[in-house]
Amino acid sequence: MAYGARSTKKSKRPNFAAAQAAHLRALERQRRESAKGIITACKKAEEIFQAERKARIAAASSSSSIQEPRLSRKEARSVAAAAAKQQRRRERRAAEAEAEATELLANDAIRLARKMFALRLDSSREEDEDDEECYKMETWPEFKARVLSWHGLRRKYN
């Protein structure tokens, strides 16, 4: 609706307030209609969900009353072997993932140890000769073992 469509009686000028009020009423009406549509759609979806839930409960109660056929010994052994094989595969993959994570952590720890050891060597070279006599420098394997122990890693990465 155009704002100049209605005009006041006395001055014959467009009545913008009335046009705006009509526009706002139309917007409110559209909002209510869309809300009603959403509510009805939600009610329909809820009814469908409840019907499916009742059907699932009925199917579960009827299937629990029917016993499944028993497996023969050969079939039971094959099913047990397949389950054991899956379990071993899961455990192997978990162990591989843990080993890979530990390897990455060890690489980071060794990289850090190299940087720290190089800094210690540089700082010991810059110091006076008198200080070196009273301070015994660690060897690289000792220092690397100490840094790896900070990270909780075993000796195999030394």
N, C-alpha and C. Protein backbone atom coordinates (compact mmCIF):
# COMPACT_ATOMS: atom_id res chain seq x y z
N MET A 1 0.84 -1.17 0.00
CA MET A 1 0.00 0.00 0.00
C MET A 1 0.89 1.24 0.00
N ALA A 2 0.62 2.16 -0.92
CA ALA A 2 1.40 3.39 -0.99
C ALA A 2 0.99 4.32 0.13
N TYR A 3 1.96 5.04 0.64
CA TYR A 3 1.67 5.90 1.79
C TYR A 3 0.80 7.11 1.42
N GLY A 4 0.72 7.48 0.20
CA GLY A 4 -0.07 8.65 -0.17
C GLY A 4 -1.47 8.31 -0.62
N ALA A 5 -1.93 7.09 -0.45
CA ALA A 5 -3.22 6.67 -0.97
C ALA A 5 -4.38 7.32 -0.23
N ARG A 6 -4.30 7.42 1.08
CA ARG A 6 -5.37 8.05 1.84
C ARG A 6 -4.93 9.46 2.24
N SER A 7 -5.84 10.36 2.21
CA SER A 7 -5.50 11.73 2.60
C SER A 7 -6.48 12.21 3.67
N THR A 8 -6.09 13.22 4.40
CA THR A 8 -6.98 13.77 5.43
C THR A 8 -8.10 14.55 4.76
N LYS A 9 -9.25 14.69 5.44
CA LYS A 9 -10.41 15.34 4.83
C LYS A 9 -10.22 16.85 4.71
N LYS A 10 -9.69 17.49 5.74
CA LYS A 10 -9.65 18.95 5.73
C LYS A 10 -8.53 19.49 4.85
N SER A 11 -7.32 18.98 5.03
CA SER A 11 -6.20 19.61 4.34
C SER A 11 -5.90 18.97 2.99
N LYS A 12 -6.46 17.84 2.72
CA LYS A 12 -6.25 17.11 1.46
C LYS A 12 -4.79 16.70 1.26
N ARG A 13 -4.04 16.65 2.37
CA ARG A 13 -2.66 16.18 2.29
C ARG A 13 -2.64 14.68 2.61
N PRO A 14 -1.64 13.96 2.14
CA PRO A 14 -1.59 12.53 2.43
C PRO A 14 -1.43 12.28 3.93
N ASN A 15 -2.13 11.26 4.42
CA ASN A 15 -2.09 10.91 5.84
C ASN A 15 -1.10 9.75 6.00
N PHE A 16 0.15 10.11 6.28
CA PHE A 16 1.18 9.08 6.39
C PHE A 16 1.01 8.22 7.63
N ALA A 17 0.48 8.76 8.69
CA ALA A 17 0.30 8.00 9.93
C ALA A 17 -0.69 6.87 9.72
N ALA A 18 -1.80 7.15 9.03
CA ALA A 18 -2.81 6.12 8.79
C ALA A 18 -2.26 5.05 7.85
N ALA A 19 -1.51 5.48 6.84
CA ALA A 19 -0.94 4.52 5.89
C ALA A 19 0.08 3.62 6.59
N GLN A 20 0.88 4.23 7.46
CA GLN A 20 1.86 3.42 8.19
C GLN A 20 1.17 2.45 9.14
N ALA A 21 0.11 2.88 9.80
CA ALA A 21 -0.63 2.00 10.70
C ALA A 21 -1.23 0.83 9.92
N ALA A 22 -1.78 1.11 8.74
CA ALA A 22 -2.34 0.03 7.92
C ALA A 22 -1.25 -0.94 7.48
N HIS A 23 -0.10 -0.39 7.15
CA HIS A 23 1.03 -1.23 6.74
C HIS A 23 1.48 -2.12 7.90
N LEU A 24 1.58 -1.57 9.10
CA LEU A 24 1.99 -2.35 10.27
C LEU A 24 0.96 -3.43 10.61
N ARG A 25 -0.35 -3.10 10.45
CA ARG A 25 -1.38 -4.11 10.68
C ARG A 25 -1.25 -5.27 9.69
N ALA A 26 -0.94 -4.95 8.43
CA ALA A 26 -0.76 -6.00 7.42
C ALA A 26 0.45 -6.87 7.76
N LEU A 27 1.53 -6.25 8.22
CA LEU A 27 2.71 -7.03 8.61
C LEU A 27 2.40 -7.95 9.78
N GLU A 28 1.66 -7.44 10.77
CA GLU A 28 1.29 -8.25 11.93
C GLU A 28 0.41 -9.43 11.51
N ARG A 29 -0.51 -9.19 10.60
CA ARG A 29 -1.38 -10.25 10.10
C ARG A 29 -0.55 -11.34 9.41
N GLN A 30 0.42 -10.92 8.58
CA GLN A 30 1.29 -11.89 7.91
C GLN A 30 2.11 -12.70 8.92
N ARG A 31 2.59 -12.02 9.96
CA ARG A 31 3.38 -12.71 10.98
C ARG A 31 2.54 -13.76 11.70
N ARG A 32 1.29 -13.40 12.04
CA ARG A 32 0.41 -14.36 12.71
C ARG A 32 0.11 -15.56 11.82
N GLU A 33 -0.13 -15.29 10.53
CA GLU A 33 -0.43 -16.39 9.61
C GLU A 33 0.77 -17.32 9.47
N SER A 34 1.97 -16.76 9.37
CA SER A 34 3.15 -17.62 9.24
C SER A 34 3.39 -18.40 10.53
N ALA A 35 3.11 -17.77 11.69
CA ALA A 35 3.25 -18.48 12.96
C ALA A 35 2.25 -19.63 13.04
N LYS A 36 1.03 -19.40 12.58
CA LYS A 36 0.03 -20.48 12.58
C LYS A 36 0.49 -21.63 11.69
N GLY A 37 1.06 -21.29 10.54
CA GLY A 37 1.56 -22.34 9.64
C GLY A 37 2.67 -23.15 10.28
N ILE A 38 3.58 -22.48 10.98
CA ILE A 38 4.68 -23.18 11.66
C ILE A 38 4.14 -24.08 12.76
N ILE A 39 3.17 -23.56 13.53
CA ILE A 39 2.60 -24.35 14.62
C ILE A 39 1.89 -25.59 14.08
N THR A 40 1.12 -25.44 13.01
CA THR A 40 0.43 -26.62 12.46
C THR A 40 1.43 -27.63 11.90
N ALA A 41 2.51 -27.15 11.27
CA ALA A 41 3.53 -28.08 10.76
C ALA A 41 4.20 -28.82 11.91
N CYS A 42 4.47 -28.12 13.01
CA CYS A 42 5.08 -28.77 14.18
C CYS A 42 4.14 -29.81 14.78
N LYS A 43 2.85 -29.47 14.84
CA LYS A 43 1.88 -30.44 15.38
C LYS A 43 1.82 -31.69 14.52
N LYS A 44 1.83 -31.51 13.19
CA LYS A 44 1.80 -32.67 12.29
C LYS A 44 3.06 -33.52 12.46
N ALA A 45 4.21 -32.87 12.57
CA ALA A 45 5.46 -33.61 12.75
C ALA A 45 5.46 -34.36 14.08
N GLU A 46 4.92 -33.75 15.13
CA GLU A 46 4.84 -34.42 16.43
C GLU A 46 3.92 -35.63 16.38
N GLU A 47 2.79 -35.50 15.67
CA GLU A 47 1.88 -36.64 15.52
C GLU A 47 2.55 -37.79 14.78
N ILE A 48 3.28 -37.46 13.72
CA ILE A 48 3.99 -38.49 12.95
C ILE A 48 5.05 -39.16 13.82
N PHE A 49 5.79 -38.36 14.60
CA PHE A 49 6.81 -38.91 15.48
C PHE A 49 6.20 -39.85 16.52
N GLN A 50 5.09 -39.44 17.12
CA GLN A 50 4.45 -40.29 18.13
C GLN A 50 3.95 -41.59 17.51
N ALA A 51 3.40 -41.52 16.28
CA ALA A 51 2.93 -42.73 15.62
C ALA A 51 4.10 -43.67 15.33
N GLU A 52 5.22 -43.13 14.85
CA GLU A 52 6.40 -43.97 14.60
C GLU A 52 6.93 -44.58 15.89
N ARG A 53 6.91 -43.81 16.96
CA ARG A 53 7.39 -44.31 18.26
C ARG A 53 6.52 -45.48 18.75
N LYS A 54 5.20 -45.32 18.62
CA LYS A 54 4.30 -46.41 19.01
C LYS A 54 4.54 -47.64 18.16
N ALA A 55 4.78 -47.44 16.86
CA ALA A 55 5.04 -48.58 15.98
C ALA A 55 6.35 -49.27 16.35
N ARG A 56 7.39 -48.48 16.70
CA ARG A 56 8.66 -49.08 17.12
C ARG A 56 8.50 -49.89 18.40
N ILE A 57 7.75 -49.34 19.35
CA ILE A 57 7.54 -50.05 20.62
C ILE A 57 6.77 -51.34 20.37
N ALA A 58 5.75 -51.28 19.52
CA ALA A 58 4.98 -52.48 19.21
C ALA A 58 5.83 -53.52 18.49
N ALA A 59 6.69 -53.07 17.58
CA ALA A 59 7.55 -54.01 16.85
C ALA A 59 8.58 -54.63 17.79
N ALA A 60 9.11 -53.85 18.71
CA ALA A 60 10.10 -54.38 19.65
C ALA A 60 9.48 -55.41 20.59
N SER A 61 8.26 -55.14 21.04
CA SER A 61 7.62 -56.09 21.95
C SER A 61 7.25 -57.37 21.23
N SER A 62 6.85 -57.26 19.96
CA SER A 62 6.49 -58.47 19.22
C SER A 62 7.73 -59.26 18.82
N SER A 63 8.84 -58.57 18.51
CA SER A 63 10.05 -59.29 18.11
C SER A 63 10.74 -59.93 19.31
N SER A 64 10.56 -59.36 20.50
CA SER A 64 11.19 -59.97 21.67
C SER A 64 10.47 -61.25 22.06
N SER A 65 9.20 -61.34 21.71
CA SER A 65 8.48 -62.57 22.04
C SER A 65 8.85 -63.71 21.10
N ILE A 66 9.31 -63.36 19.88
CA ILE A 66 9.72 -64.38 18.92
C ILE A 66 11.20 -64.69 19.16
N GLN A 67 11.53 -65.95 19.37
CA GLN A 67 12.92 -66.33 19.62
C GLN A 67 13.66 -66.47 18.29
N GLU A 68 14.91 -66.01 18.32
CA GLU A 68 15.73 -66.14 17.13
C GLU A 68 16.22 -67.58 17.02
N PRO A 69 16.45 -68.05 15.80
CA PRO A 69 16.92 -69.43 15.65
C PRO A 69 18.32 -69.59 16.24
N ARG A 70 18.55 -70.71 16.86
CA ARG A 70 19.85 -70.97 17.47
C ARG A 70 20.87 -71.30 16.39
N LEU A 71 22.11 -70.93 16.65
CA LEU A 71 23.18 -71.20 15.71
C LEU A 71 23.74 -72.59 15.96
N SER A 72 24.21 -73.20 14.88
CA SER A 72 24.88 -74.49 15.05
C SER A 72 26.26 -74.23 15.63
N ARG A 73 26.95 -75.29 16.02
CA ARG A 73 28.28 -75.13 16.62
C ARG A 73 29.25 -74.51 15.62
N LYS A 74 29.16 -74.95 14.38
CA LYS A 74 30.06 -74.43 13.35
C LYS A 74 29.80 -72.93 13.12
N GLU A 75 28.53 -72.56 13.03
CA GLU A 75 28.20 -71.15 12.84
C GLU A 75 28.62 -70.31 14.05
N ALA A 76 28.42 -70.85 15.25
CA ALA A 76 28.80 -70.13 16.47
C ALA A 76 30.32 -69.92 16.51
N ARG A 77 31.08 -70.95 16.10
CA ARG A 77 32.54 -70.81 16.07
C ARG A 77 32.96 -69.75 15.06
N SER A 78 32.33 -69.74 13.89
CA SER A 78 32.70 -68.76 12.87
C SER A 78 32.34 -67.34 13.32
N VAL A 79 31.20 -67.19 13.98
CA VAL A 79 30.81 -65.87 14.49
C VAL A 79 31.78 -65.42 15.57
N ALA A 80 32.17 -66.33 16.47
CA ALA A 80 33.11 -66.00 17.54
C ALA A 80 34.48 -65.65 16.96
N ALA A 81 34.91 -66.39 15.93
CA ALA A 81 36.20 -66.10 15.30
C ALA A 81 36.18 -64.73 14.63
N ALA A 82 35.08 -64.41 13.96
CA ALA A 82 34.98 -63.10 13.32
C ALA A 82 35.00 -61.98 14.36
N ALA A 83 34.31 -62.18 15.48
CA ALA A 83 34.31 -61.16 16.54
C ALA A 83 35.70 -61.00 17.14
N ALA A 84 36.40 -62.11 17.34
CA ALA A 84 37.76 -62.04 17.89
C ALA A 84 38.70 -61.33 16.91
N LYS A 85 38.52 -61.61 15.62
CA LYS A 85 39.35 -60.97 14.60
C LYS A 85 39.11 -59.46 14.59
N GLN A 86 37.85 -59.04 14.70
CA GLN A 86 37.54 -57.62 14.76
C GLN A 86 38.15 -56.97 16.00
N GLN A 87 38.07 -57.66 17.13
CA GLN A 87 38.63 -57.13 18.37
C GLN A 87 40.15 -56.96 18.26
N ARG A 88 40.83 -57.97 17.69
CA ARG A 88 42.28 -57.87 17.51
C ARG A 88 42.63 -56.71 16.58
N ARG A 89 41.84 -56.53 15.53
CA ARG A 89 42.08 -55.45 14.58
C ARG A 89 41.92 -54.09 15.27
N ARG A 90 40.86 -53.96 16.08
CA ARG A 90 40.66 -52.71 16.83
C ARG A 90 41.83 -52.43 17.76
N GLU A 91 42.25 -53.46 18.49
CA GLU A 91 43.36 -53.29 19.44
C GLU A 91 44.66 -52.93 18.71
N ARG A 92 44.90 -53.57 17.56
CA ARG A 92 46.11 -53.28 16.79
C ARG A 92 46.09 -51.84 16.29
N ARG A 93 44.95 -51.40 15.78
CA ARG A 93 44.86 -50.02 15.28
C ARG A 93 45.03 -49.01 16.40
N ALA A 94 44.46 -49.32 17.57
CA ALA A 94 44.63 -48.41 18.71
C ALA A 94 46.09 -48.35 19.13
N ALA A 95 46.77 -49.50 19.13
CA ALA A 95 48.19 -49.52 19.51
C ALA A 95 49.03 -48.76 18.48
N GLU A 96 48.70 -48.91 17.20
CA GLU A 96 49.44 -48.17 16.16
C GLU A 96 49.25 -46.67 16.31
N ALA A 97 48.02 -46.25 16.60
CA ALA A 97 47.75 -44.82 16.77
C ALA A 97 48.50 -44.28 17.99
N GLU A 98 48.52 -45.05 19.06
CA GLU A 98 49.24 -44.62 20.27
C GLU A 98 50.74 -44.55 20.01
N ALA A 99 51.27 -45.53 19.27
CA ALA A 99 52.70 -45.52 18.95
C ALA A 99 53.05 -44.32 18.08
N GLU A 100 52.18 -44.00 17.13
CA GLU A 100 52.44 -42.85 16.26
C GLU A 100 52.42 -41.55 17.07
N ALA A 101 51.47 -41.43 17.99
CA ALA A 101 51.41 -40.22 18.82
C ALA A 101 52.65 -40.12 19.70
N THR A 102 53.09 -41.25 20.25
CA THR A 102 54.28 -41.25 21.10
C THR A 102 55.51 -40.89 20.28
N GLU A 103 55.57 -41.38 19.06
CA GLU A 103 56.70 -41.07 18.17
C GLU A 103 56.76 -39.58 17.86
N LEU A 104 55.59 -38.98 17.59
CA LEU A 104 55.56 -37.54 17.34
C LEU A 104 55.99 -36.75 18.56
N LEU A 105 55.52 -37.18 19.73
CA LEU A 105 55.92 -36.51 20.97
C LEU A 105 57.42 -36.65 21.20
N ALA A 106 57.96 -37.83 20.92
CA ALA A 106 59.40 -38.04 21.09
C ALA A 106 60.19 -37.17 20.13
N ASN A 107 59.73 -37.05 18.89
CA ASN A 107 60.42 -36.19 17.92
C ASN A 107 60.43 -34.74 18.39
N ASP A 108 59.29 -34.27 18.90
CA ASP A 108 59.24 -32.91 19.42
C ASP A 108 60.17 -32.74 20.61
N ALA A 109 60.19 -33.74 21.50
CA ALA A 109 61.05 -33.66 22.68
C ALA A 109 62.53 -33.65 22.28
N ILE A 110 62.90 -34.48 21.31
CA ILE A 110 64.30 -34.52 20.87
C ILE A 110 64.68 -33.21 20.19
N ARG A 111 63.77 -32.64 19.40
CA ARG A 111 64.03 -31.35 18.76
C ARG A 111 64.25 -30.27 19.82
N LEU A 112 63.41 -30.29 20.84
CA LEU A 112 63.56 -29.34 21.94
C LEU A 112 64.89 -29.56 22.68
N ALA A 113 65.24 -30.82 22.90
CA ALA A 113 66.49 -31.13 23.60
C ALA A 113 67.69 -30.64 22.80
N ARG A 114 67.65 -30.80 21.48
CA ARG A 114 68.77 -30.33 20.64
C ARG A 114 68.93 -28.82 20.75
N LYS A 115 67.80 -28.10 20.70
CA LYS A 115 67.87 -26.64 20.81
C LYS A 115 68.42 -26.23 22.16
N MET A 116 67.91 -26.86 23.22
CA MET A 116 68.37 -26.51 24.57
C MET A 116 69.85 -26.85 24.74
N PHE A 117 70.28 -28.00 24.22
CA PHE A 117 71.67 -28.40 24.36
C PHE A 117 72.58 -27.44 23.60
N ALA A 118 72.13 -27.03 22.40
CA ALA A 118 72.93 -26.07 21.62
C ALA A 118 73.03 -24.74 22.36
N LEU A 119 71.94 -24.30 22.97
CA LEU A 119 71.98 -23.05 23.74
C LEU A 119 72.92 -23.18 24.93
N ARG A 120 72.90 -24.33 25.58
CA ARG A 120 73.79 -24.53 26.73
C ARG A 120 75.25 -24.55 26.29
N LEU A 121 75.51 -25.16 25.14
CA LEU A 121 76.89 -25.16 24.63
C LEU A 121 77.35 -23.74 24.31
N ASP A 122 76.47 -22.98 23.65
CA ASP A 122 76.83 -21.61 23.31
C ASP A 122 77.07 -20.78 24.56
N SER A 123 76.21 -20.94 25.55
CA SER A 123 76.38 -20.14 26.77
C SER A 123 77.62 -20.57 27.54
N SER A 124 77.95 -21.86 27.48
CA SER A 124 79.16 -22.31 28.20
C SER A 124 80.42 -21.82 27.50
N ARG A 125 80.39 -21.65 26.19
CA ARG A 125 81.56 -21.14 25.46
C ARG A 125 81.77 -19.66 25.73
N GLU A 126 80.68 -18.94 25.95
CA GLU A 126 80.79 -17.50 26.18
C GLU A 126 81.27 -17.18 27.59
N GLU A 127 81.09 -18.10 28.53
CA GLU A 127 81.49 -17.85 29.91
C GLU A 127 83.01 -17.90 30.05
N ASP A 128 83.47 -17.44 31.19
CA ASP A 128 84.91 -17.44 31.46
C ASP A 128 85.42 -18.87 31.60
N GLU A 129 86.71 -19.00 31.42
CA GLU A 129 87.34 -20.31 31.55
C GLU A 129 87.30 -20.82 32.98
N ASP A 130 87.30 -19.93 33.97
CA ASP A 130 87.30 -20.34 35.37
C ASP A 130 85.99 -21.03 35.75
N ASP A 131 84.88 -20.55 35.17
CA ASP A 131 83.58 -21.13 35.51
C ASP A 131 83.44 -22.55 34.98
N GLU A 132 84.09 -22.86 33.88
CA GLU A 132 83.96 -24.19 33.30
C GLU A 132 84.58 -25.26 34.18
N GLU A 133 85.56 -24.91 34.94
CA GLU A 133 86.20 -25.91 35.79
C GLU A 133 85.26 -26.40 36.88
N CYS A 134 84.45 -25.48 37.46
CA CYS A 134 83.57 -25.91 38.55
C CYS A 134 82.24 -26.45 38.02
N TYR A 135 81.92 -26.20 36.77
CA TYR A 135 80.65 -26.65 36.22
C TYR A 135 80.91 -27.75 35.20
N LYS A 136 80.42 -28.94 35.49
CA LYS A 136 80.63 -30.06 34.57
C LYS A 136 79.43 -30.15 33.64
N MET A 137 79.69 -30.10 32.36
CA MET A 137 78.64 -30.14 31.36
C MET A 137 78.14 -31.56 31.17
N GLU A 138 76.81 -31.72 31.00
CA GLU A 138 76.25 -33.04 30.72
C GLU A 138 76.57 -33.43 29.29
N THR A 139 76.64 -34.73 29.05
CA THR A 139 76.82 -35.19 27.67
C THR A 139 75.47 -35.17 26.98
N TRP A 140 75.51 -35.26 25.66
CA TRP A 140 74.27 -35.23 24.88
C TRP A 140 73.33 -36.38 25.24
N PRO A 141 73.79 -37.63 25.34
CA PRO A 141 72.85 -38.70 25.71
C PRO A 141 72.21 -38.51 27.09
N GLU A 142 72.98 -38.01 28.06
CA GLU A 142 72.42 -37.76 29.39
C GLU A 142 71.36 -36.67 29.34
N PHE A 143 71.68 -35.60 28.62
CA PHE A 143 70.73 -34.49 28.54
C PHE A 143 69.46 -34.91 27.79
N LYS A 144 69.64 -35.67 26.70
CA LYS A 144 68.48 -36.12 25.93
C LYS A 144 67.60 -37.03 26.77
N ALA A 145 68.21 -37.92 27.55
CA ALA A 145 67.44 -38.81 28.43
C ALA A 145 66.67 -38.00 29.46
N ARG A 146 67.28 -36.94 29.97
CA ARG A 146 66.59 -36.13 30.98
C ARG A 146 65.40 -35.40 30.36
N VAL A 147 65.56 -34.84 29.17
CA VAL A 147 64.45 -34.13 28.51
C VAL A 147 63.33 -35.11 28.16
N LEU A 148 63.68 -36.30 27.68
CA LEU A 148 62.65 -37.28 27.36
C LEU A 148 61.91 -37.73 28.62
N SER A 149 62.61 -37.80 29.74
CA SER A 149 61.93 -38.18 30.98
C SER A 149 60.96 -37.10 31.43
N TRP A 150 61.24 -35.84 31.09
CA TRP A 150 60.29 -34.77 31.41
C TRP A 150 58.97 -35.00 30.69
N HIS A 151 59.04 -35.55 29.49
CA HIS A 151 57.85 -35.80 28.68
C HIS A 151 57.25 -37.18 28.95
N GLY A 152 57.84 -37.93 29.86
CA GLY A 152 57.30 -39.24 30.20
C GLY A 152 57.56 -40.30 29.15
N LEU A 153 58.62 -40.14 28.39
CA LEU A 153 58.93 -41.10 27.33
C LEU A 153 59.97 -42.09 27.82
N ARG A 154 59.92 -43.28 27.23
CA ARG A 154 60.84 -44.35 27.65
C ARG A 154 62.21 -44.15 27.05
N ARG A 155 63.10 -45.03 27.42
CA ARG A 155 64.50 -44.94 26.99
C ARG A 155 64.69 -45.37 25.54
N LYS A 156 63.71 -46.00 24.92
CA LYS A 156 63.94 -46.52 23.57
C LYS A 156 64.13 -45.40 22.55
N TYR A 157 63.73 -44.16 22.87
CA TYR A 157 63.90 -43.05 21.95
C TYR A 157 65.23 -42.36 22.14
N ASN A 158 66.06 -42.84 23.06
CA ASN A 158 67.36 -42.22 23.30
C ASN A 158 68.31 -42.49 22.17
